[in-house]
Structures are given as C-alpha cells and as structure tokens.
Amino acid sequence: MAVSVIVCCANGSGTSLMAAMTLEKAAKAEGWKLTKTHHCSLSEGKNAAMQYDIVLCPQNFTNMFAAAAAKGTTVIGLRNVMSQKEITEKMNACGRDLK
C-alpha cells in the first residue's frame, strides 16, 4: 500500500527540502511506494498533516502534530533530518505498509 508523507521544518525551505530529498533516496533504496511527498513549514504542515499518512519533522517539533496523530497520522521525529539511515530505520519501524 502506498503512503503519503509531509516533511516539515521551521521555515519550510532548507531543512525540509533536504529531508524530503533524503526521504526520496531512502524510498528508492528500500522500494517504498510513496504516493506523494511534500515539504513545508511547520505552520503549513500542522494544518495539512491530517491529509497525509506520515509526518517527518525534527524531533523537538513532534508535539505540534498531536491532533494529526490522534486522527491516525504517524508522526516521526528525527534527530538528524539528513540521515538516510535514521529515516530508513524510523520509516521501516513506523508500522505502515510502505511497499
């Protein structure tokens, strides 16, 4: 089953773009089926999170997505948004069917 992922950072430009690019590399390496990915600021992400299956964001911002998590969106906090290894491990462990 394919999933959609939104990647958020404070301003929605640098960090989320880099994390989204790293996610795409991990998806290609792992054979994940991602229907859509989007990177944006935390404020946009907070409003749009419920439209996605998974939220990726820096670890210290996960609490901002409590409402989306309560509705079934998986929220994944990252220590290093540039780490393909961390993204791969956390995505594989999130409980979603990524293939």
N, C-alpha and C. Protein backbone atom coordinates (compact mmCIF):
# COMPACT_ATOMS: atom_id res chain seq x y z
N MET A 1 0.85 -1.19 0.00
CA MET A 1 0.00 0.00 0.00
C MET A 1 0.89 1.24 0.00
N ALA A 2 0.60 2.17 -0.85
CA ALA A 2 1.39 3.38 -0.94
C ALA A 2 0.97 4.39 0.13
N VAL A 3 1.92 5.18 0.56
CA VAL A 3 1.65 6.18 1.60
C VAL A 3 2.07 7.57 1.14
N SER A 4 1.50 8.57 1.79
CA SER A 4 1.87 9.96 1.53
C SER A 4 2.62 10.51 2.74
N VAL A 5 3.61 11.34 2.47
CA VAL A 5 4.48 11.86 3.53
C VAL A 5 4.62 13.37 3.39
N ILE A 6 4.47 14.06 4.50
CA ILE A 6 4.74 15.50 4.55
C ILE A 6 5.97 15.71 5.44
N VAL A 7 6.90 16.51 4.98
CA VAL A 7 8.15 16.77 5.69
C VAL A 7 8.15 18.24 6.10
N CYS A 8 8.28 18.49 7.40
CA CYS A 8 8.16 19.85 7.92
C CYS A 8 9.42 20.30 8.65
N CYS A 9 9.69 21.60 8.55
CA CYS A 9 10.73 22.24 9.34
C CYS A 9 10.26 23.64 9.70
N ALA A 10 11.03 24.36 10.44
CA ALA A 10 10.61 25.66 10.94
C ALA A 10 10.11 26.60 9.84
N ASN A 11 10.90 26.79 8.78
CA ASN A 11 10.53 27.75 7.74
C ASN A 11 10.05 27.12 6.44
N GLY A 12 10.27 25.82 6.29
CA GLY A 12 9.78 25.15 5.09
C GLY A 12 10.64 25.29 3.86
N SER A 13 11.87 25.74 4.03
CA SER A 13 12.72 25.90 2.84
C SER A 13 13.90 24.95 2.85
N GLY A 14 14.90 25.20 3.68
CA GLY A 14 16.13 24.42 3.63
C GLY A 14 16.05 23.03 4.23
N THR A 15 15.75 22.96 5.51
CA THR A 15 15.79 21.67 6.21
C THR A 15 14.77 20.68 5.67
N SER A 16 13.54 21.14 5.45
CA SER A 16 12.51 20.20 4.98
C SER A 16 12.82 19.74 3.55
N LEU A 17 13.37 20.62 2.73
CA LEU A 17 13.74 20.22 1.37
C LEU A 17 14.83 19.16 1.41
N MET A 18 15.84 19.36 2.23
CA MET A 18 16.93 18.37 2.35
C MET A 18 16.40 17.05 2.90
N ALA A 19 15.53 17.12 3.89
CA ALA A 19 14.95 15.89 4.46
C ALA A 19 14.08 15.18 3.42
N ALA A 20 13.33 15.93 2.63
CA ALA A 20 12.50 15.33 1.59
C ALA A 20 13.36 14.64 0.53
N MET A 21 14.49 15.25 0.19
CA MET A 21 15.41 14.64 -0.77
C MET A 21 16.01 13.36 -0.19
N THR A 22 16.35 13.39 1.10
CA THR A 22 16.88 12.20 1.76
C THR A 22 15.81 11.11 1.83
N LEU A 23 14.57 11.50 2.08
CA LEU A 23 13.46 10.55 2.09
C LEU A 23 13.31 9.89 0.73
N GLU A 24 13.41 10.66 -0.34
CA GLU A 24 13.29 10.12 -1.69
C GLU A 24 14.40 9.09 -1.97
N LYS A 25 15.62 9.39 -1.51
CA LYS A 25 16.73 8.44 -1.67
C LYS A 25 16.45 7.15 -0.91
N ALA A 26 15.97 7.29 0.33
CA ALA A 26 15.66 6.11 1.14
C ALA A 26 14.53 5.31 0.50
N ALA A 27 13.52 5.99 -0.02
CA ALA A 27 12.38 5.30 -0.65
C ALA A 27 12.85 4.50 -1.87
N LYS A 28 13.72 5.09 -2.65
CA LYS A 28 14.25 4.40 -3.83
C LYS A 28 15.06 3.17 -3.42
N ALA A 29 15.91 3.34 -2.40
CA ALA A 29 16.75 2.24 -1.93
C ALA A 29 15.93 1.11 -1.31
N GLU A 30 14.84 1.47 -0.63
CA GLU A 30 14.03 0.48 0.09
C GLU A 30 12.85 -0.06 -0.73
N GLY A 31 12.55 0.58 -1.84
CA GLY A 31 11.42 0.16 -2.65
C GLY A 31 10.06 0.57 -2.06
N TRP A 32 10.05 1.65 -1.29
CA TRP A 32 8.79 2.14 -0.73
C TRP A 32 7.95 2.76 -1.83
N LYS A 33 6.64 2.62 -1.72
CA LYS A 33 5.72 3.25 -2.65
C LYS A 33 5.13 4.49 -1.97
N LEU A 34 5.62 5.64 -2.34
CA LEU A 34 5.12 6.89 -1.78
C LEU A 34 4.22 7.56 -2.83
N THR A 35 2.94 7.76 -2.49
CA THR A 35 2.03 8.38 -3.45
C THR A 35 2.36 9.84 -3.65
N LYS A 36 2.71 10.52 -2.56
CA LYS A 36 3.12 11.91 -2.68
C LYS A 36 3.98 12.29 -1.50
N THR A 37 4.88 13.22 -1.74
CA THR A 37 5.68 13.81 -0.67
C THR A 37 5.60 15.32 -0.85
N HIS A 38 5.64 16.00 0.27
CA HIS A 38 5.56 17.46 0.24
C HIS A 38 6.41 17.99 1.38
N HIS A 39 7.17 19.04 1.15
CA HIS A 39 7.92 19.67 2.23
C HIS A 39 7.38 21.07 2.44
N CYS A 40 7.36 21.50 3.70
CA CYS A 40 6.75 22.79 4.02
C CYS A 40 7.16 23.26 5.41
N SER A 41 6.67 24.43 5.77
CA SER A 41 6.92 24.98 7.11
C SER A 41 6.05 24.25 8.13
N LEU A 42 6.42 24.41 9.40
CA LEU A 42 5.63 23.79 10.47
C LEU A 42 4.19 24.28 10.48
N SER A 43 3.98 25.57 10.25
CA SER A 43 2.61 26.09 10.30
C SER A 43 1.76 25.50 9.18
N GLU A 44 2.30 25.41 7.97
CA GLU A 44 1.56 24.77 6.88
C GLU A 44 1.36 23.29 7.17
N GLY A 45 2.41 22.64 7.66
CA GLY A 45 2.35 21.22 7.95
C GLY A 45 1.33 20.87 9.02
N LYS A 46 1.26 21.71 10.03
CA LYS A 46 0.29 21.48 11.11
C LYS A 46 -1.13 21.48 10.56
N ASN A 47 -1.42 22.38 9.63
CA ASN A 47 -2.74 22.47 9.03
C ASN A 47 -3.03 21.35 8.04
N ALA A 48 -1.99 20.85 7.37
CA ALA A 48 -2.17 19.84 6.32
C ALA A 48 -1.90 18.42 6.77
N ALA A 49 -1.35 18.23 7.96
CA ALA A 49 -0.87 16.91 8.40
C ALA A 49 -1.91 15.80 8.31
N MET A 50 -3.16 16.10 8.60
CA MET A 50 -4.20 15.06 8.58
C MET A 50 -4.51 14.56 7.18
N GLN A 51 -4.01 15.24 6.16
CA GLN A 51 -4.20 14.80 4.78
C GLN A 51 -3.10 13.83 4.34
N TYR A 52 -2.16 13.54 5.23
CA TYR A 52 -1.03 12.67 4.93
C TYR A 52 -1.01 11.47 5.88
N ASP A 53 -0.35 10.40 5.44
CA ASP A 53 -0.22 9.22 6.28
C ASP A 53 0.89 9.40 7.32
N ILE A 54 1.98 10.08 6.92
CA ILE A 54 3.16 10.21 7.78
C ILE A 54 3.66 11.66 7.76
N VAL A 55 4.03 12.14 8.95
CA VAL A 55 4.70 13.43 9.09
C VAL A 55 6.14 13.16 9.53
N LEU A 56 7.10 13.74 8.84
CA LEU A 56 8.50 13.72 9.26
C LEU A 56 8.87 15.14 9.66
N CYS A 57 9.48 15.28 10.84
CA CYS A 57 9.89 16.61 11.31
C CYS A 57 11.01 16.45 12.32
N PRO A 58 11.72 17.54 12.62
CA PRO A 58 12.72 17.48 13.68
C PRO A 58 12.05 17.03 14.99
N GLN A 59 12.78 16.25 15.77
CA GLN A 59 12.24 15.63 16.98
C GLN A 59 11.57 16.64 17.93
N ASN A 60 12.13 17.82 18.06
CA ASN A 60 11.60 18.78 19.03
C ASN A 60 10.28 19.41 18.58
N PHE A 61 9.78 19.08 17.38
CA PHE A 61 8.51 19.64 16.90
C PHE A 61 7.38 18.62 16.84
N THR A 62 7.61 17.39 17.24
CA THR A 62 6.58 16.36 17.10
C THR A 62 5.31 16.69 17.87
N ASN A 63 5.43 17.37 19.01
CA ASN A 63 4.24 17.69 19.80
C ASN A 63 3.27 18.61 19.06
N MET A 64 3.75 19.33 18.05
CA MET A 64 2.89 20.21 17.27
C MET A 64 1.88 19.43 16.41
N PHE A 65 2.12 18.14 16.26
CA PHE A 65 1.27 17.32 15.41
C PHE A 65 0.40 16.33 16.21
N ALA A 66 0.15 16.66 17.46
CA ALA A 66 -0.65 15.79 18.33
C ALA A 66 -2.05 15.57 17.78
N ALA A 67 -2.68 16.60 17.24
CA ALA A 67 -4.04 16.47 16.70
C ALA A 67 -4.06 15.51 15.51
N ALA A 68 -3.07 15.62 14.64
CA ALA A 68 -2.98 14.71 13.48
C ALA A 68 -2.72 13.28 13.94
N ALA A 69 -1.84 13.13 14.94
CA ALA A 69 -1.55 11.80 15.47
C ALA A 69 -2.81 11.17 16.06
N ALA A 70 -3.62 11.97 16.73
CA ALA A 70 -4.87 11.47 17.32
C ALA A 70 -5.84 10.99 16.24
N LYS A 71 -5.72 11.53 15.03
CA LYS A 71 -6.60 11.14 13.91
C LYS A 71 -5.99 10.01 13.06
N GLY A 72 -4.82 9.50 13.46
CA GLY A 72 -4.24 8.36 12.76
C GLY A 72 -3.01 8.63 11.92
N THR A 73 -2.57 9.88 11.83
CA THR A 73 -1.35 10.19 11.10
C THR A 73 -0.16 9.75 11.95
N THR A 74 0.80 9.09 11.33
CA THR A 74 2.02 8.68 12.03
C THR A 74 2.98 9.86 12.04
N VAL A 75 3.44 10.24 13.22
CA VAL A 75 4.37 11.37 13.36
C VAL A 75 5.74 10.82 13.74
N ILE A 76 6.74 11.11 12.93
CA ILE A 76 8.09 10.61 13.15
C ILE A 76 9.02 11.80 13.39
N GLY A 77 9.63 11.83 14.56
CA GLY A 77 10.61 12.86 14.89
C GLY A 77 12.01 12.39 14.54
N LEU A 78 12.77 13.27 13.93
CA LEU A 78 14.14 12.93 13.51
C LEU A 78 15.16 13.74 14.29
N ARG A 79 16.22 13.07 14.73
CA ARG A 79 17.35 13.76 15.35
C ARG A 79 18.20 14.44 14.28
N ASN A 80 18.39 13.73 13.16
CA ASN A 80 19.21 14.25 12.06
C ASN A 80 18.41 14.10 10.77
N VAL A 81 17.83 15.19 10.31
CA VAL A 81 16.97 15.14 9.13
C VAL A 81 17.73 14.79 7.85
N MET A 82 19.04 14.83 7.90
CA MET A 82 19.87 14.50 6.74
C MET A 82 20.30 13.03 6.73
N SER A 83 19.96 12.28 7.77
CA SER A 83 20.42 10.91 7.90
C SER A 83 19.48 9.93 7.18
N GLN A 84 19.95 9.39 6.06
CA GLN A 84 19.16 8.39 5.35
C GLN A 84 18.98 7.15 6.21
N LYS A 85 20.00 6.82 6.99
CA LYS A 85 19.92 5.66 7.89
C LYS A 85 18.80 5.85 8.92
N GLU A 86 18.74 7.02 9.55
CA GLU A 86 17.70 7.27 10.55
C GLU A 86 16.32 7.27 9.92
N ILE A 87 16.17 7.93 8.77
CA ILE A 87 14.87 7.95 8.10
C ILE A 87 14.45 6.53 7.73
N THR A 88 15.38 5.75 7.19
CA THR A 88 15.08 4.37 6.81
C THR A 88 14.63 3.56 8.02
N GLU A 89 15.39 3.64 9.11
CA GLU A 89 15.05 2.88 10.31
C GLU A 89 13.69 3.27 10.87
N LYS A 90 13.44 4.56 10.99
CA LYS A 90 12.19 5.03 11.60
C LYS A 90 10.99 4.79 10.70
N MET A 91 11.16 4.94 9.40
CA MET A 91 10.06 4.66 8.47
C MET A 91 9.74 3.16 8.49
N ASN A 92 10.76 2.32 8.47
CA ASN A 92 10.53 0.87 8.48
C ASN A 92 9.87 0.42 9.79
N ALA A 93 10.13 1.14 10.88
CA ALA A 93 9.59 0.76 12.19
C ALA A 93 8.25 1.43 12.50
N CYS A 94 7.72 2.25 11.60
CA CYS A 94 6.54 3.06 11.93
C CYS A 94 5.22 2.30 11.92
N GLY A 95 5.23 1.07 11.43
CA GLY A 95 4.00 0.30 11.43
C GLY A 95 3.14 0.47 10.18
N ARG A 96 3.58 1.25 9.24
CA ARG A 96 2.84 1.45 7.98
C ARG A 96 3.38 0.48 6.92
N ASP A 97 2.50 0.04 6.03
CA ASP A 97 2.92 -0.78 4.90
C ASP A 97 3.46 0.16 3.83
N LEU A 98 4.77 0.18 3.68
CA LEU A 98 5.42 1.13 2.77
C LEU A 98 5.61 0.56 1.38
N LYS A 99 5.31 -0.71 1.20
CA LYS A 99 5.54 -1.33 -0.11
C LYS A 99 4.22 -1.72 -0.72
